[in-house]
C-alpha atoms as a PDB file:
ATOM      1  CA  MET A   1     -49.902  41.321 -20.755  1.00  0.00           C
ATOM      2  CA  PHE A   2     -51.604  41.961 -17.274  1.00  0.00           C
ATOM      3  CA  GLU A   3     -54.168  39.291 -18.159  1.00  0.00           C
ATOM      4  CA  ALA A   4     -51.351  36.923 -18.785  1.00  0.00           C
ATOM      5  CA  THR A   5     -49.393  37.723 -15.744  1.00  0.00           C
ATOM      6  CA  ALA A   6     -52.780  37.061 -13.683  1.00  0.00           C
ATOM      7  CA  LYS A   7     -53.007  33.979 -14.879  1.00  0.00           C
ATOM      8  CA  THR A   8     -49.448  32.869 -14.130  1.00  0.00           C
ATOM      9  CA  ALA A   9     -49.983  34.394 -10.534  1.00  0.00           C
ATOM     10  CA  PHE A  10     -53.230  32.412 -10.289  1.00  0.00           C
ATOM     11  CA  LEU A  11     -51.568  29.075 -10.901  1.00  0.00           C
ATOM     12  CA  PHE A  12     -49.299  29.617  -8.075  1.00  0.00           C
ATOM     13  CA  ILE A  13     -51.705  31.282  -5.594  1.00  0.00           C
ATOM     14  CA  LEU A  14     -55.123  29.371  -6.166  1.00  0.00           C
ATOM     15  CA  PRO A  15     -55.945  25.487  -6.425  1.00  0.00           C
ATOM     16  CA  GLN A  16     -56.597  24.169 -10.051  1.00  0.00           C
ATOM     17  CA  TYR A  17     -58.542  22.070 -11.853  1.00  0.00           C
ATOM     18  CA  ASN A  18     -61.876  23.633 -10.831  1.00  0.00           C
ATOM     19  CA  ILE A  19     -65.254  22.208 -12.021  1.00  0.00           C
ATOM     20  CA  SER A  20     -68.494  23.491 -12.049  1.00  0.00           C
ATOM     21  CA  VAL A  21     -71.148  20.926 -10.393  1.00  0.00           C
ATOM     22  CA  PRO A  22     -75.146  21.683 -10.735  1.00  0.00           C
ATOM     23  CA  THR A  23     -77.036  21.713  -7.920  1.00  0.00           C
ATOM     24  CA  ALA A  24     -80.648  22.483  -6.919  1.00  0.00           C
ATOM     25  CA  ASP A  25     -79.711  25.830  -5.555  1.00  0.00           C
ATOM     26  CA  GLY A  26     -77.557  26.441  -8.654  1.00  0.00           C
ATOM     27  CA  GLU A  27     -73.610  25.705  -9.363  1.00  0.00           C
ATOM     28  CA  LEU A  28     -71.016  25.040  -7.023  1.00  0.00           C
ATOM     29  CA  VAL A  29     -67.390  25.072  -7.638  1.00  0.00           C
ATOM     30  CA  HIS A  30     -65.501  21.975  -6.765  1.00  0.00           C
ATOM     31  CA  TYR A  31     -61.788  20.772  -7.304  1.00  0.00           C
ATOM     32  CA  ARG A  32     -59.987  17.527  -8.354  1.00  0.00           C
ATOM     33  CA  TYR A  33     -56.248  17.126  -8.026  1.00  0.00           C
ATOM     34  CA  GLY A  34     -53.676  16.973 -11.027  1.00  0.00           C
ATOM     35  CA  LEU A  35     -49.800  17.767 -11.789  1.00  0.00           C
ATOM     36  CA  LYS A  36     -50.427  21.352 -11.577  1.00  0.00           C
ATOM     37  CA  ASP A  37     -51.167  21.043  -7.602  1.00  0.00           C
ATOM     38  CA  LEU A  38     -47.166  20.733  -7.342  1.00  0.00           C
ATOM     39  CA  ILE A  39     -46.830  24.355  -8.790  1.00  0.00           C
ATOM     40  CA  THR A  40     -49.259  25.503  -6.012  1.00  0.00           C
ATOM     41  CA  ILE A  41     -47.365  23.306  -3.215  1.00  0.00           C
ATOM     42  CA  LEU A  42     -44.108  24.586  -4.127  1.00  0.00           C
ATOM     43  CA  PHE A  43     -45.359  28.258  -3.639  1.00  0.00           C
ATOM     44  CA  TYR A  44     -46.668  27.633  -0.296  1.00  0.00           C
ATOM     45  CA  VAL A  45     -43.441  26.032   0.496  1.00  0.00           C
ATOM     46  CA  PHE A  46     -41.889  29.137   0.083  1.00  0.00           C
ATOM     47  CA  ILE A  47     -44.541  30.905   2.222  1.00  0.00           C
ATOM     48  CA  ALA A  48     -44.266  28.475   5.114  1.00  0.00           C
ATOM     49  CA  ILE A  49     -40.122  29.021   5.162  1.00  0.00           C
ATOM     50  CA  ILE A  50     -41.076  32.616   5.445  1.00  0.00           C
ATOM     51  CA  LEU A  51     -43.563  32.085   8.350  1.00  0.00           C
ATOM     52  CA  HIS A  52     -41.152  29.801  10.049  1.00  0.00           C
ATOM     53  CA  ALA A  53     -38.514  32.315  10.094  1.00  0.00           C
ATOM     54  CA  VAL A  54     -40.997  34.893  11.524  1.00  0.00           C
ATOM     55  CA  VAL A  55     -42.168  32.671  14.273  1.00  0.00           C
ATOM     56  CA  GLN A  56     -38.262  31.992  14.986  1.00  0.00           C
ATOM     57  CA  ASP A  57     -37.224  35.510  15.165  1.00  0.00           C
ATOM     58  CA  TYR A  58     -39.893  37.363  16.592  1.00  0.00           C
ATOM     59  CA  VAL A  59     -41.065  34.564  19.132  1.00  0.00           C
ATOM     60  CA  LEU A  60     -38.892  31.857  19.961  1.00  0.00           C
ATOM     61  CA  ASP A  61     -35.298  33.375  19.849  1.00  0.00           C
ATOM     62  CA  LYS A  62     -36.740  35.997  22.415  1.00  0.00           C
ATOM     63  CA  ILE A  63     -37.967  33.148  24.963  1.00  0.00           C
ATOM     64  CA  ASN A  64     -34.532  31.359  24.145  1.00  0.00           C
ATOM     65  CA  ARG A  65     -32.491  34.286  25.278  1.00  0.00           C
ATOM     66  CA  ARG A  66     -34.338  34.550  28.522  1.00  0.00           C
ATOM     67  CA  LEU A  67     -34.345  30.815  29.671  1.00  0.00           C
ATOM     68  CA  HIS A  68     -30.185  30.387  28.583  1.00  0.00           C
ATOM     69  CA  LEU A  69     -30.799  26.989  27.547  1.00  0.00           C
ATOM     70  CA  SER A  70     -27.982  24.282  26.121  1.00  0.00           C
ATOM     71  CA  LYS A  71     -27.396  23.640  22.576  1.00  0.00           C
ATOM     72  CA  VAL A  72     -29.379  20.458  23.037  1.00  0.00           C
ATOM     73  CA  LYS A  73     -32.529  21.914  24.670  1.00  0.00           C
ATOM     74  CA  HIS A  74     -32.126  24.811  22.384  1.00  0.00           C
ATOM     75  CA  SER A  75     -32.741  22.704  19.229  1.00  0.00           C
ATOM     76  CA  LYS A  76     -35.612  20.817  20.879  1.00  0.00           C
ATOM     77  CA  PHE A  77     -37.278  23.950  22.236  1.00  0.00           C
ATOM     78  CA  ASN A  78     -37.237  25.638  18.742  1.00  0.00           C
ATOM     79  CA  GLU A  79     -38.742  22.386  17.069  1.00  0.00           C
ATOM     80  CA  SER A  80     -41.490  22.230  19.508  1.00  0.00           C
ATOM     81  CA  GLY A  81     -42.166  25.724  19.489  1.00  0.00           C
ATOM     82  CA  GLN A  82     -42.399  25.811  15.735  1.00  0.00           C
ATOM     83  CA  LEU A  83     -44.741  22.462  15.997  1.00  0.00           C
ATOM     84  CA  VAL A  84     -46.865  23.966  18.774  1.00  0.00           C
ATOM     85  CA  ALA A  85     -47.740  26.772  16.514  1.00  0.00           C
ATOM     86  CA  PHE A  86     -48.028  24.770  13.491  1.00  0.00           C
ATOM     87  CA  HIS A  87     -50.618  22.220  15.137  1.00  0.00           C
ATOM     88  CA  LEU A  88     -52.609  24.964  16.865  1.00  0.00           C
ATOM     89  CA  THR A  89     -53.254  26.513  13.698  1.00  0.00           C
ATOM     90  CA  SER A  90     -53.965  23.197  11.694  1.00  0.00           C
ATOM     91  CA  MET A  91     -56.367  21.878  14.339  1.00  0.00           C
ATOM     92  CA  ILE A  92     -58.181  25.001  14.236  1.00  0.00           C
ATOM     93  CA  TRP A  93     -58.565  25.148  10.679  1.00  0.00           C
ATOM     94  CA  CYS A  94     -59.028  21.515  10.308  1.00  0.00           C
ATOM     95  CA  LEU A  95     -61.873  21.885  12.820  1.00  0.00           C
ATOM     96  CA  TYR A  96     -63.525  24.424  10.848  1.00  0.00           C
ATOM     97  CA  VAL A  97     -63.468  22.743   7.572  1.00  0.00           C
ATOM     98  CA  VAL A  98     -64.904  19.043   9.151  1.00  0.00           C
ATOM     99  CA  VAL A  99     -67.947  21.406  10.895  1.00  0.00           C
ATOM    100  CA  THR A 100     -68.615  23.695   7.935  1.00  0.00           C
ATOM    101  CA  GLU A 101     -68.599  20.789   5.502  1.00  0.00           C
ATOM    102  CA  GLY A 102     -70.416  18.604   7.682  1.00  0.00           C
ATOM    103  CA  TYR A 103     -68.504  15.818   7.864  1.00  0.00           C
ATOM    104  CA  LEU A 104     -68.591  15.807  11.923  1.00  0.00           C
ATOM    105  CA  SER A 105     -72.444  16.005  11.894  1.00  0.00           C
ATOM    106  CA  ASP A 106     -72.862  13.193   9.527  1.00  0.00           C
ATOM    107  CA  PRO A 107     -70.056  10.560   9.904  1.00  0.00           C
ATOM    108  CA  ARG A 108     -71.994   8.320   6.942  1.00  0.00           C
ATOM    109  CA  SER A 109     -70.547  11.105   4.738  1.00  0.00           C
ATOM    110  CA  TRP A 110     -66.943   9.775   5.288  1.00  0.00           C
ATOM    111  CA  TRP A 111     -67.448   6.851   3.006  1.00  0.00           C
ATOM    112  CA  GLU A 112     -70.848   7.441   0.880  1.00  0.00           C
ATOM    113  CA  ASN A 113     -70.701   8.309  -2.620  1.00  0.00           C
ATOM    114  CA  TYR A 114     -67.007   6.939  -2.689  1.00  0.00           C
ATOM    115  CA  PRO A 115     -64.769   8.212  -4.677  1.00  0.00           C
ATOM    116  CA  HIS A 116     -64.653  11.732  -3.309  1.00  0.00           C
ATOM    117  CA  VAL A 117     -63.345  13.067  -6.388  1.00  0.00           C
ATOM    118  CA  PHE A 118     -64.381  16.618  -6.567  1.00  0.00           C
ATOM    119  CA  LEU A 119     -63.501  18.691  -3.435  1.00  0.00           C
ATOM    120  CA  PRO A 120     -64.772  21.799  -1.799  1.00  0.00           C
ATOM    121  CA  PHE A 121     -61.891  24.716  -2.140  1.00  0.00           C
ATOM    122  CA  GLN A 122     -61.323  24.730   1.459  1.00  0.00           C
ATOM    123  CA  VAL A 123     -60.664  20.776   1.571  1.00  0.00           C
ATOM    124  CA  LYS A 124     -58.432  20.917  -1.229  1.00  0.00           C
ATOM    125  CA  PHE A 125     -56.606  24.187  -0.069  1.00  0.00           C
ATOM    126  CA  PHE A 126     -56.077  22.638   3.232  1.00  0.00           C
ATOM    127  CA  TYR A 127     -54.653  19.589   1.762  1.00  0.00           C
ATOM    128  CA  LEU A 128     -52.271  21.379  -0.272  1.00  0.00           C
ATOM    129  CA  CYS A 129     -50.993  23.618   2.554  1.00  0.00           C
ATOM    130  CA  GLN A 130     -50.512  20.517   4.732  1.00  0.00           C
ATOM    131  CA  LEU A 131     -48.202  18.800   2.168  1.00  0.00           C
ATOM    132  CA  ALA A 132     -46.237  22.280   1.674  1.00  0.00           C
ATOM    133  CA  TYR A 133     -45.740  22.529   5.350  1.00  0.00           C
ATOM    134  CA  TRP A 134     -44.079  19.290   5.586  1.00  0.00           C
ATOM    135  CA  LEU A 135     -42.103  19.412   2.415  1.00  0.00           C
ATOM    136  CA  HIS A 136     -40.620  22.748   3.740  1.00  0.00           C
ATOM    137  CA  ALA A 137     -39.648  20.968   6.924  1.00  0.00           C
ATOM    138  CA  LEU A 138     -37.047  19.242   4.883  1.00  0.00           C
ATOM    139  CA  PRO A 139     -34.993  22.106   3.869  1.00  0.00           C
ATOM    140  CA  GLU A 140     -35.390  23.905   7.447  1.00  0.00           C
ATOM    141  CA  LEU A 141     -32.991  20.974   8.827  1.00  0.00           C
ATOM    142  CA  TYR A 142     -30.467  22.723   6.799  1.00  0.00           C
ATOM    143  CA  PHE A 143     -31.548  26.227   7.704  1.00  0.00           C
ATOM    144  CA  GLN A 144     -32.012  25.511  11.258  1.00  0.00           C
ATOM    145  CA  LYS A 145     -28.392  23.621  11.524  1.00  0.00           C
ATOM    146  CA  VAL A 146     -30.127  20.474  13.067  1.00  0.00           C
ATOM    147  CA  ARG A 147     -27.505  18.107  14.913  1.00  0.00           C
ATOM    148  CA  LYS A 148     -26.690  15.183  12.639  1.00  0.00           C
ATOM    149  CA  GLU A 149     -27.909  12.775  15.565  1.00  0.00           C
ATOM    150  CA  GLU A 150     -31.475  14.691  15.118  1.00  0.00           C
ATOM    151  CA  ILE A 151     -31.678  14.463  11.453  1.00  0.00           C
ATOM    152  CA  PRO A 152     -32.767  10.764  10.937  1.00  0.00           C
ATOM    153  CA  ARG A 153     -35.713  11.168  13.617  1.00  0.00           C
ATOM    154  CA  GLN A 154     -36.813  14.149  12.298  1.00  0.00           C
ATOM    155  CA  LEU A 155     -36.860  13.029   8.578  1.00  0.00           C
ATOM    156  CA  LYS A 156     -38.615   9.701   9.764  1.00  0.00           C
ATOM    157  CA  TYR A 157     -41.611  11.679  11.241  1.00  0.00           C
ATOM    158  CA  ILE A 158     -41.686  14.349   8.414  1.00  0.00           C
ATOM    159  CA  SER A 159     -41.743  11.678   5.931  1.00  0.00           C
ATOM    160  CA  LEU A 160     -44.497   9.466   7.629  1.00  0.00           C
ATOM    161  CA  TYR A 161     -46.736  12.817   7.707  1.00  0.00           C
ATOM    162  CA  LEU A 162     -46.040  13.352   3.969  1.00  0.00           C
ATOM    163  CA  LEU A 163     -46.711   9.743   3.207  1.00  0.00           C
ATOM    164  CA  HIS A 164     -50.383   9.797   4.939  1.00  0.00           C
ATOM    165  CA  ILE A 165     -51.141  13.283   3.724  1.00  0.00           C
ATOM    166  CA  ALA A 166     -50.359  12.392   0.184  1.00  0.00           C
ATOM    167  CA  ALA A 167     -52.417   8.985   0.587  1.00  0.00           C
ATOM    168  CA  ALA A 168     -55.449  10.436   1.748  1.00  0.00           C
ATOM    169  CA  TYR A 169     -55.475  13.114  -0.720  1.00  0.00           C
ATOM    170  CA  LEU A 170     -54.465  10.892  -4.114  1.00  0.00           C
ATOM    171  CA  LEU A 171     -56.801   7.902  -2.716  1.00  0.00           C
ATOM    172  CA  ASN A 172     -60.054  10.287  -2.432  1.00  0.00           C
ATOM    173  CA  LEU A 173     -59.951   9.608   1.162  1.00  0.00           C
ATOM    174  CA  THR A 174     -59.649  13.133   2.078  1.00  0.00           C
ATOM    175  CA  ARG A 175     -62.999  13.169   4.707  1.00  0.00           C
ATOM    176  CA  LEU A 176     -61.426  10.220   6.656  1.00  0.00           C
ATOM    177  CA  GLY A 177     -58.088  11.867   6.497  1.00  0.00           C
ATOM    178  CA  LEU A 178     -59.210  14.940   7.828  1.00  0.00           C
ATOM    179  CA  ILE A 179     -60.721  13.393  11.035  1.00  0.00           C
ATOM    180  CA  LEU A 180     -57.569  11.119  11.464  1.00  0.00           C
ATOM    181  CA  LEU A 181     -55.537  14.338  11.048  1.00  0.00           C
ATOM    182  CA  LEU A 182     -57.454  16.124  13.711  1.00  0.00           C
ATOM    183  CA  LEU A 183     -56.869  13.504  16.187  1.00  0.00           C
ATOM    184  CA  GLN A 184     -53.371  13.140  15.470  1.00  0.00           C
ATOM    185  CA  TYR A 185     -52.659  16.926  15.581  1.00  0.00           C
ATOM    186  CA  PHE A 186     -54.267  17.250  19.069  1.00  0.00           C
ATOM    187  CA  ALA A 187     -52.112  14.635  20.505  1.00  0.00           C
ATOM    188  CA  GLU A 188     -48.983  16.026  18.966  1.00  0.00           C
ATOM    189  CA  PHE A 189     -49.935  19.522  20.066  1.00  0.00           C
ATOM    190  CA  PHE A 190     -50.177  18.242  23.935  1.00  0.00           C
ATOM    191  CA  PHE A 191     -46.549  16.694  23.627  1.00  0.00           C
ATOM    192  CA  HIS A 192     -45.028  19.536  22.206  1.00  0.00           C
ATOM    193  CA  VAL A 193     -46.851  22.124  24.837  1.00  0.00           C
ATOM    194  CA  ALA A 194     -45.611  19.367  27.662  1.00  0.00           C
ATOM    195  CA  GLN A 195     -41.903  19.706  26.177  1.00  0.00           C
ATOM    196  CA  LEU A 196     -42.094  23.370  26.315  1.00  0.00           C
ATOM    197  CA  PHE A 197     -43.201  23.311  29.952  1.00  0.00           C
ATOM    198  CA  TYR A 198     -40.556  20.780  30.720  1.00  0.00           C
ATOM    199  CA  PHE A 199     -37.665  22.789  29.282  1.00  0.00           C
ATOM    200  CA  THR A 200     -38.585  25.816  31.353  1.00  0.00           C
ATOM    201  CA  ASP A 201     -38.942  23.850  34.609  1.00  0.00           C
ATOM    202  CA  GLU A 202     -37.256  20.080  34.420  1.00  0.00           C
ATOM    203  CA  ASN A 203     -39.772  19.320  37.585  1.00  0.00           C
ATOM    204  CA  ASN A 204     -43.158  19.927  35.519  1.00  0.00           C
ATOM    205  CA  GLN A 205     -44.265  16.467  34.383  1.00  0.00           C
ATOM    206  CA  LYS A 206     -47.527  16.666  34.626  1.00  0.00           C
ATOM    207  CA  LEU A 207     -48.412  17.524  31.047  1.00  0.00           C
ATOM    208  CA  PHE A 208     -46.594  14.605  30.021  1.00  0.00           C
ATOM    209  CA  ASN A 209     -49.283  12.530  31.870  1.00  0.00           C
ATOM    210  CA  ALA A 210     -52.173  14.397  30.079  1.00  0.00           C
ATOM    211  CA  TRP A 211     -50.666  13.816  26.978  1.00  0.00           C
ATOM    212  CA  ALA A 212     -50.070  10.155  27.503  1.00  0.00           C
ATOM    213  CA  VAL A 213     -53.743   9.745  27.861  1.00  0.00           C
ATOM    214  CA  VAL A 214     -54.724  11.777  24.895  1.00  0.00           C
ATOM    215  CA  PHE A 215     -52.042   9.863  22.941  1.00  0.00           C
ATOM    216  CA  VAL A 216     -53.668   6.357  23.655  1.00  0.00           C
ATOM    217  CA  VAL A 217     -57.292   7.626  23.155  1.00  0.00           C
ATOM    218  CA  ALA A 218     -56.140   8.978  19.815  1.00  0.00           C
ATOM    219  CA  ARG A 219     -54.407   5.873  19.038  1.00  0.00           C
ATOM    220  CA  LEU A 220     -57.811   3.920  19.852  1.00  0.00           C
ATOM    221  CA  PHE A 221     -59.975   6.242  17.969  1.00  0.00           C
ATOM    222  CA  THR A 222     -57.711   6.273  14.806  1.00  0.00           C
ATOM    223  CA  LEU A 223     -57.907   2.430  14.490  1.00  0.00           C
ATOM    224  CA  THR A 224     -61.674   2.502  15.238  1.00  0.00           C
ATOM    225  CA  LEU A 225     -62.660   5.122  12.838  1.00  0.00           C
ATOM    226  CA  SER A 226     -60.157   3.337  10.209  1.00  0.00           C
ATOM    227  CA  VAL A 227     -61.831   0.335  10.541  1.00  0.00           C
ATOM    228  CA  LEU A 228     -65.297   1.569  10.529  1.00  0.00           C
ATOM    229  CA  VAL A 229     -64.721   3.515   7.226  1.00  0.00           C
ATOM    230  CA  ILE A 230     -62.648   1.375   5.249  1.00  0.00           C
ATOM    231  CA  GLY A 231     -63.439  -2.041   6.487  1.00  0.00           C
ATOM    232  CA  PHE A 232     -67.360  -1.807   7.016  1.00  0.00           C
ATOM    233  CA  GLY A 233     -68.688   1.349   5.345  1.00  0.00           C
ATOM    234  CA  LEU A 234     -66.635   1.026   1.688  1.00  0.00           C
ATOM    235  CA  SER A 235     -67.512  -2.735   1.753  1.00  0.00           C
ATOM    236  CA  ARG A 236     -71.163  -1.290   1.305  1.00  0.00           C
ATOM    237  CA  VAL A 237     -70.706   1.334  -1.065  1.00  0.00           C
ATOM    238  CA  GLU A 238     -72.310  -0.111  -4.403  1.00  0.00           C
ATOM    239  CA  ASN A 239     -68.999   0.837  -6.718  1.00  0.00           C
ATOM    240  CA  GLN A 240     -66.553  -1.648  -5.617  1.00  0.00           C
ATOM    241  CA  VAL A 241     -64.151  -1.835  -8.389  1.00  0.00           C
ATOM    242  CA  PHE A 242     -60.605  -0.816  -8.732  1.00  0.00           C
ATOM    243  CA  GLU A 243     -60.786   2.061 -11.343  1.00  0.00           C
ATOM    244  CA  PRO A 244     -57.673   4.306 -10.739  1.00  0.00           C
ATOM    245  CA  GLU A 245     -58.284   6.306 -14.170  1.00  0.00           C
ATOM    246  CA  LYS A 246     -61.830   7.290 -12.384  1.00  0.00           C
ATOM    247  CA  GLY A 247     -60.187   7.814  -8.715  1.00  0.00           C
ATOM    248  CA  ASN A 248     -61.828   4.675  -7.351  1.00  0.00           C
ATOM    249  CA  PHE A 249     -59.650   2.267  -5.306  1.00  0.00           C
ATOM    250  CA  ASN A 250     -62.516   0.478  -3.551  1.00  0.00           C
ATOM    251  CA  SER A 251     -61.619  -3.199  -3.747  1.00  0.00           C
ATOM    252  CA  LEU A 252     -61.303  -5.879  -1.229  1.00  0.00           C
ATOM    253  CA  LEU A 253     -57.129  -6.011  -2.006  1.00  0.00           C
ATOM    254  CA  PHE A 254     -57.092  -1.951  -1.654  1.00  0.00           C
ATOM    255  CA  ARG A 255     -58.980  -2.023   1.843  1.00  0.00           C
ATOM    256  CA  MET A 256     -57.047  -4.997   3.392  1.00  0.00           C
ATOM    257  CA  PHE A 257     -53.936  -3.383   2.530  1.00  0.00           C
ATOM    258  CA  VAL A 258     -54.909   0.049   3.695  1.00  0.00           C
ATOM    259  CA  LEU A 259     -55.866  -1.378   7.010  1.00  0.00           C
ATOM    260  CA  LEU A 260     -52.922  -3.286   7.255  1.00  0.00           C
ATOM    261  CA  LEU A 261     -50.691  -0.235   6.782  1.00  0.00           C
ATOM    262  CA  VAL A 262     -53.074   1.751   9.470  1.00  0.00           C
ATOM    263  CA  CYS A 263     -52.476  -1.231  11.823  1.00  0.00           C
ATOM    264  CA  LEU A 264     -48.857  -1.433  11.393  1.00  0.00           C
ATOM    265  CA  PHE A 265     -48.440   2.340  11.957  1.00  0.00           C
ATOM    266  CA  GLN A 266     -50.322   2.588  15.114  1.00  0.00           C
ATOM    267  CA  ALA A 267     -48.652  -0.545  16.500  1.00  0.00           C
ATOM    268  CA  LEU A 268     -45.163   1.153  15.682  1.00  0.00           C
ATOM    269  CA  MET A 269     -46.409   4.349  17.483  1.00  0.00           C
ATOM    270  CA  MET A 270     -47.571   2.479  20.480  1.00  0.00           C
ATOM    271  CA  TRP A 271     -44.397   0.796  20.440  1.00  0.00           C
ATOM    272  CA  HIS A 272     -42.350   3.868  20.525  1.00  0.00           C
ATOM    273  CA  PHE A 273     -44.841   5.703  23.022  1.00  0.00           C
ATOM    274  CA  ILE A 274     -44.453   2.534  25.604  1.00  0.00           C
ATOM    275  CA  ARG A 275     -40.231   3.042  25.051  1.00  0.00           C
ATOM    276  CA  PHE A 276     -40.855   6.610  25.605  1.00  0.00           C
ATOM    277  CA  GLN A 277     -42.840   6.099  28.938  1.00  0.00           C
ATOM    278  CA  LEU A 278     -40.530   3.449  30.344  1.00  0.00           C
ATOM    279  CA  ARG A 279     -37.542   5.682  29.674  1.00  0.00           C
ATOM    280  CA  ARG A 280     -39.035   8.406  31.321  1.00  0.00           C
ATOM    281  CA  TRP A 281     -39.946   6.261  34.550  1.00  0.00           C
ATOM    282  CA  ARG A 282     -36.664   4.669  34.902  1.00  0.00           C
ATOM    283  CA  GLU A 283     -35.231   8.353  34.379  1.00  0.00           C
ATOM    284  CA  TYR A 284     -37.547   9.560  37.106  1.00  0.00           C
ATOM    285  CA  TRP A 285     -36.753   6.474  39.566  1.00  0.00           C
ATOM    286  CA  ASN A 286     -33.307   7.002  39.232  1.00  0.00           C
ATOM    287  CA  GLU A 287     -33.509  10.586  40.377  1.00  0.00           C
ATOM    288  CA  GLN A 288     -35.549   9.725  43.093  1.00  0.00           C
ATOM    289  CA  SER A 289     -33.158   6.933  44.458  1.00  0.00           C
ATOM    290  CA  ALA A 290     -30.402   9.629  44.100  1.00  0.00           C
ATOM    291  CA  ARG A 291     -32.111  12.214  46.454  1.00  0.00           C
ATOM    292  CA  GLN A 292     -32.960   9.429  48.590  1.00  0.00           C
ATOM    293  CA  ARG A 293     -29.294   8.484  48.844  1.00  0.00           C
ATOM    294  CA  ALA A 294     -28.337  12.107  49.223  1.00  0.00           C
ATOM    295  CA  ALA A 295     -30.755  12.474  52.035  1.00  0.00           C
ATOM    296  CA  ALA A 296     -29.733   9.352  53.997  1.00  0.00           C
ATOM    297  CA  ALA A 297     -26.154  10.532  53.761  1.00  0.00           C
ATOM    298  CA  LEU A 298     -26.539  14.135  55.021  1.00  0.00           C
ATOM    299  CA  PRO A 299     -27.636  13.146  58.935  1.00  0.00           C
ATOM    300  CA  LYS A 300     -24.360  11.043  59.197  1.00  0.00           C
ATOM    301  CA  GLN A 301     -22.097  14.080  58.140  1.00  0.00           C
ATOM    302  CA  GLN A 302     -24.095  16.119  60.683  1.00  0.00           C
ATOM    303  CA  SER A 303     -23.779  13.593  63.503  1.00  0.00           C
ATOM    304  CA  LYS A 304     -19.858  13.145  63.402  1.00  0.00           C
ATOM    305  CA  PRO A 305     -18.301  14.597  66.580  1.00  0.00           C
ATOM    306  CA  ILE A 306     -16.423  17.743  66.159  1.00  0.00           C
ATOM    307  CA  LYS A 307     -13.559  17.917  67.903  1.00  0.00           C
ATOM    308  CA  ARG A 308     -13.028  21.143  70.049  1.00  0.00           C
ATOM    309  CA  GLU A 309     -10.191  22.381  72.091  1.00  0.00           C
ATOM    310  CA  THR A 310     -10.577  22.440  75.838  1.00  0.00           C
ATOM    311  CA  GLY A 311     -11.474  25.640  77.306  1.00  0.00           C
ATOM    312  CA  TYR A 312     -13.177  28.365  75.707  1.00  0.00           C
ATOM    313  CA  HIS A 313     -12.488  31.260  73.370  1.00  0.00           C
ATOM    314  CA  GLU A 314     -12.363  34.739  74.294  1.00  0.00           C
ATOM    315  CA  ASN A 315     -11.413  37.254  71.410  1.00  0.00           C
ATOM    316  CA  GLY A 316     -10.122  34.490  69.610  1.00  0.00           C
ATOM    317  CA  VAL A 317      -7.704  33.318  72.249  1.00  0.00           C
ATOM    318  CA  VAL A 318      -8.520  29.749  73.841  1.00  0.00           C
ATOM    319  CA  LYS A 319      -8.901  30.215  77.551  1.00  0.00           C
ATOM    320  CA  ALA A 320      -8.654  27.449  80.032  1.00  0.00           C
ATOM    321  CA  GLU A 321     -11.510  26.573  82.236  1.00  0.00           C
ATOM    322  CA  ASN A 322     -10.100  28.888  85.074  1.00  0.00           C
ATOM    323  CA  GLY A 323      -9.779  31.594  82.953  1.00  0.00           C
ATOM    324  CA  THR A 324      -5.961  31.634  82.466  1.00  0.00           C
ATOM    325  CA  SER A 325      -3.965  30.822  79.243  1.00  0.00           C
ATOM    326  CA  PRO A 326      -3.608  27.409  78.223  1.00  0.00           C
ATOM    327  CA  ARG A 327       0.162  27.938  77.616  1.00  0.00           C
ATOM    328  CA  THR A 328       2.852  25.971  79.168  1.00  0.00           C
ATOM    329  CA  LYS A 329       4.892  27.738  81.835  1.00  0.00           C
ATOM    330  CA  LYS A 330       8.675  28.242  81.631  1.00  0.00           C
ATOM    331  CA  LEU A 331      10.617  26.249  84.189  1.00  0.00           C
ATOM    332  CA  LYS A 332      13.000  28.261  85.893  1.00  0.00           C
ATOM    333  CA  SER A 333      16.787  27.394  85.848  1.00  0.00           C
ATOM    334  CA  PRO A 334      18.074  26.020  89.184  1.00  0.00           C
END
């Protein structure tokens, strides 16, 4: 009974499809993907919902009560606060994985020996948790009572994250996917930190300028690394056949299709980035021109002559210049 319960629990908690790979030092346990991964992802969706509620109740709600934000800013503050916590955690975790697995020190490993069907434990677990987090964001739209105007925007970027992460996982491009996720999360972390500072002080715009630089650099590196790995690296691999049953998708058509999608998404992100920057600059200049008009109108109001009564005031009574009251004298009747 206990053994059956333990096996069922492991099905939810631990990654499945483990395989022992013999090496010179012994045996290494690696993993491949399969349908049972959906059960593990479902379990960590519930874990992500619980962690989301903990961050909301014990951190964000306390800050919101001090800031007294409007409903619109309150919703965006909660969104940015949750994503700052997630992106920071994912960045540290992703950096740890690529360093310990040697992907950062050996860029050739990103495409050599493709397809990378067998994954180390921490690589597979990282991808499962990433998929679980972005899937949990769908019911959170209801739990957080997100405004109807905000739902299409959030559904769009949730779907894009799910599409990219699932594609890297299922097409066995996990090593390149880790590097690109690290770049993307770094840029997104800067953006949401800038938004949090902006909500606390609307005059604080400097972090948005830093984020703009990081965002453009991240887009350039994403395009460069994608072309390097998919366009040049995979084209030199010996095994260039389309065999989905073996996890090998390395054909010319596949490489062209993936590069086209990467370029299309990066161009779309740059287009939204340019529109965002233009809107920010337009709002900034409108605010500056309004302040200049207000400052120019202020001296005119101060320079208007103030009509004063002749004489001077003494104890609230107007006195004539010779010290007498300016009242008119009554004429005596003849």
